[in-house]
Every structure is written in structure tokens, then in C-alpha cells.
Amino acid sequence: MIISIGNDHAGTFYKNKIVDYLKSQNIEVHNHGTNSEDSVDYPDFVHPVAIDVEDGTSSLGIIICGSGNGANMTANKHQGIRSALCWTSELVALAKQHNNANVLSIPSRFVSLEEALDFVTVFLKTPFDGGRHHHRVDKIACH
């Protein structure tokens, strides 16, 4: 499995901890995020993650910014992306089960590091339920 990750300045600390966690699980990581806490523009770091997931370079993506909103909006501009902004583990699970989310957006200023790491675990381990949800997910992309 390959995970692409991107972050702005507000997500650098969490990104580094998440990358360490993913590598400890023998997961390859493509790091598109800034490694600095100097102010940057989140779209510059989110678009590459979305492109990786869209073209199959990565299995899933994780994006991190202060509120999670800007990163989430940016990722969802891509046709093949179903990015979910989550602030509880239950939302992460539902985003995967019902919406087949392929990008997780984490609001670093509103959740603890421990919660963020739990979100990543849930995101990676929760399968898509398919069934009645499949045709709904198919309707998300504009054609």
C-alpha cells in the first residue's frame, strides 16, 4: 500500500507523526507536504496528493491543515477524489463504509494527535460496504 500525504504549515507536526506511524506499519509514503511551520498555501500540497490518488500512484491520501476545510475543498475539486473532513473516528469509519472515501482530511487545530493517529488507523482498516452505497458513490462524480 502507498499513501500520499500533504499538509500546510498547520499540519507539519501531525504529518511527521503520521508518516512515522505509517512507516512503522510498513506502508510506503509519498510526502507532498511542507516540512516547515512557515506559512504556505495548502493547495500547493493538496493537489499532488489528489493527483496521486486519482492516477493510482497511491492507494489513499491523507491531507492536513488547520481546519481541514481548505484542504478538503481543494482535494474534492478532482473528479476521482472523495475526500472526507473528519473530526471523530466514527465519521472516518462512515466515510469509508458509506462513501468509499479515498482521501482523509484532518483538522489539526481541532483534534489531538492521538485522535488523528486513530483516524488514520480507522481510515486504513475500514472497508467500503458496497451494496446499497455503491450506486450512490457512483453518482458523486460529475460526468
Protein backbone atom coordinates (compact mmCIF):
# COMPACT_ATOMS: atom_id res chain seq x y z
CA MET A 1 0.00 0.00 0.00
CA ILE A 2 1.15 3.50 -0.82
CA ILE A 3 -0.26 6.55 0.96
CA SER A 4 0.21 10.10 -0.31
CA ILE A 5 0.21 12.76 2.36
CA GLY A 6 0.12 16.54 2.11
CA ASN A 7 -0.07 19.34 4.61
CA ASP A 8 0.31 23.04 5.13
CA HIS A 9 2.20 24.74 7.96
CA ALA A 10 -0.56 23.96 10.48
CA GLY A 11 -0.26 20.25 9.76
CA THR A 12 3.51 19.73 9.77
CA PHE A 13 3.81 18.27 13.27
CA TYR A 14 0.88 15.87 12.76
CA LYS A 15 2.12 14.92 9.30
CA ASN A 16 5.53 13.93 10.67
CA LYS A 17 3.96 11.77 13.38
CA ILE A 18 1.56 10.16 10.89
CA VAL A 19 4.41 9.43 8.47
CA ASP A 20 6.35 7.78 11.31
CA TYR A 21 3.29 5.69 12.17
CA LEU A 22 2.68 4.65 8.56
CA LYS A 23 6.30 3.65 8.07
CA SER A 24 6.15 1.60 11.29
CA GLN A 25 3.30 -0.30 9.63
CA ASN A 26 5.48 -0.93 6.54
CA ILE A 27 3.39 1.44 4.44
CA GLU A 28 5.16 3.43 1.74
CA VAL A 29 4.54 7.18 1.97
CA HIS A 30 4.72 9.85 -0.71
CA ASN A 31 5.23 13.08 1.23
CA HIS A 32 3.94 16.09 -0.66
CA GLY A 33 3.66 18.28 2.42
CA THR A 34 5.75 21.11 3.68
CA ASN A 35 8.26 20.25 6.37
CA SER A 36 8.15 23.76 7.78
CA GLU A 37 5.83 25.72 10.03
CA ASP A 38 6.32 28.81 7.86
CA SER A 39 3.09 29.93 6.21
CA VAL A 40 2.36 28.23 2.87
CA ASP A 41 -0.62 27.80 0.56
CA TYR A 42 -2.35 24.45 1.23
CA PRO A 43 -3.46 23.87 -2.40
CA ASP A 44 0.20 23.55 -3.42
CA PHE A 45 0.48 20.48 -1.18
CA VAL A 46 -3.00 19.00 -1.60
CA HIS A 47 -3.29 18.89 -5.39
CA PRO A 48 -0.31 16.48 -5.69
CA VAL A 49 -1.96 14.11 -3.20
CA ALA A 50 -5.23 14.18 -5.13
CA ILE A 51 -3.40 13.55 -8.40
CA ASP A 52 -1.56 10.56 -6.89
CA VAL A 53 -4.84 9.01 -5.74
CA GLU A 54 -6.64 9.80 -8.99
CA ASP A 55 -3.99 8.25 -11.20
CA GLY A 56 -3.43 5.23 -8.95
CA THR A 57 0.10 6.14 -7.89
CA SER A 58 -1.22 5.93 -4.31
CA SER A 59 -3.95 3.80 -2.78
CA LEU A 60 -5.23 6.55 -0.48
CA GLY A 61 -4.43 10.10 0.56
CA ILE A 62 -4.22 11.99 3.82
CA ILE A 63 -4.31 15.78 3.92
CA ILE A 64 -3.85 18.01 6.94
CA CYS A 65 -4.44 21.71 7.52
CA GLY A 66 -5.63 23.79 10.45
CA SER A 67 -9.38 23.43 9.93
CA GLY A 68 -9.26 20.66 7.35
CA ASN A 69 -11.73 22.66 5.25
CA GLY A 70 -9.41 24.27 2.71
CA ALA A 71 -7.52 21.05 2.09
CA ASN A 72 -10.78 19.10 1.77
CA MET A 73 -12.29 21.60 -0.68
CA THR A 74 -9.13 21.54 -2.77
CA ALA A 75 -8.96 17.75 -2.95
CA ASN A 76 -12.62 17.46 -3.88
CA LYS A 77 -12.08 19.61 -6.98
CA HIS A 78 -10.58 16.46 -8.54
CA GLN A 79 -13.13 14.19 -10.24
CA GLY A 80 -11.76 10.95 -8.84
CA ILE A 81 -11.49 12.13 -5.26
CA ARG A 82 -13.89 11.54 -2.41
CA SER A 83 -12.25 13.47 0.41
CA ALA A 84 -13.84 13.40 3.85
CA LEU A 85 -13.22 16.00 6.53
CA CYS A 86 -13.44 14.07 9.80
CA TRP A 87 -13.15 15.02 13.46
CA THR A 88 -14.26 11.71 15.06
CA SER A 89 -13.32 8.10 14.39
CA GLU A 90 -16.97 7.31 13.75
CA LEU A 91 -17.05 9.84 10.91
CA VAL A 92 -13.90 8.30 9.44
CA ALA A 93 -15.45 4.83 9.53
CA LEU A 94 -18.70 6.03 7.96
CA ALA A 95 -16.83 7.95 5.26
CA LYS A 96 -15.12 4.71 4.23
CA GLN A 97 -18.11 2.38 4.74
CA HIS A 98 -20.76 4.51 3.04
CA ASN A 99 -18.85 6.91 0.78
CA ASN A 100 -15.72 4.94 -0.12
CA ALA A 101 -13.61 7.95 0.85
CA ASN A 102 -10.17 7.81 -0.72
CA VAL A 103 -8.73 10.89 0.98
CA LEU A 104 -8.92 11.74 4.68
CA SER A 105 -8.80 15.41 5.66
CA ILE A 106 -7.64 16.03 9.23
CA PRO A 107 -8.27 19.36 11.03
CA SER A 108 -5.06 19.61 13.08
CA ARG A 109 -6.21 22.57 15.18
CA PHE A 110 -9.37 20.77 16.32
CA VAL A 111 -8.27 17.22 17.14
CA SER A 112 -5.49 15.80 19.28
CA LEU A 113 -2.55 13.95 17.82
CA GLU A 114 -3.85 10.75 19.39
CA GLU A 115 -7.21 11.24 17.69
CA ALA A 116 -5.53 11.96 14.35
CA LEU A 117 -3.48 8.77 14.59
CA ASP A 118 -6.63 6.82 15.43
CA PHE A 119 -8.35 8.36 12.38
CA VAL A 120 -5.52 7.10 10.19
CA THR A 121 -5.83 3.58 11.61
CA VAL A 122 -9.59 3.54 11.08
CA PHE A 123 -9.20 5.00 7.57
CA LEU A 124 -6.75 2.29 6.55
CA LYS A 125 -8.63 -0.64 8.08
CA THR A 126 -12.27 0.16 7.33
CA PRO A 127 -13.63 -1.36 4.11
CA PHE A 128 -16.27 0.09 1.80
CA ASP A 129 -19.62 -1.60 2.47
CA GLY A 130 -20.63 -1.51 -1.19
CA GLY A 131 -24.15 -2.81 -1.69
CA ARG A 132 -26.76 -0.06 -1.48
CA HIS A 133 -23.99 2.53 -1.15
CA HIS A 134 -22.24 1.62 -4.40
CA HIS A 135 -24.67 3.32 -6.79
CA ARG A 136 -24.69 6.45 -4.63
CA VAL A 137 -20.91 6.70 -4.71
CA ASP A 138 -21.03 6.27 -8.48
CA LYS A 139 -23.29 9.35 -8.68
CA ILE A 140 -20.80 11.60 -6.86
CA ALA A 141 -18.54 12.25 -9.85
CA CYS A 142 -19.87 14.68 -12.47
CA HIS A 143 -19.68 13.30 -15.98
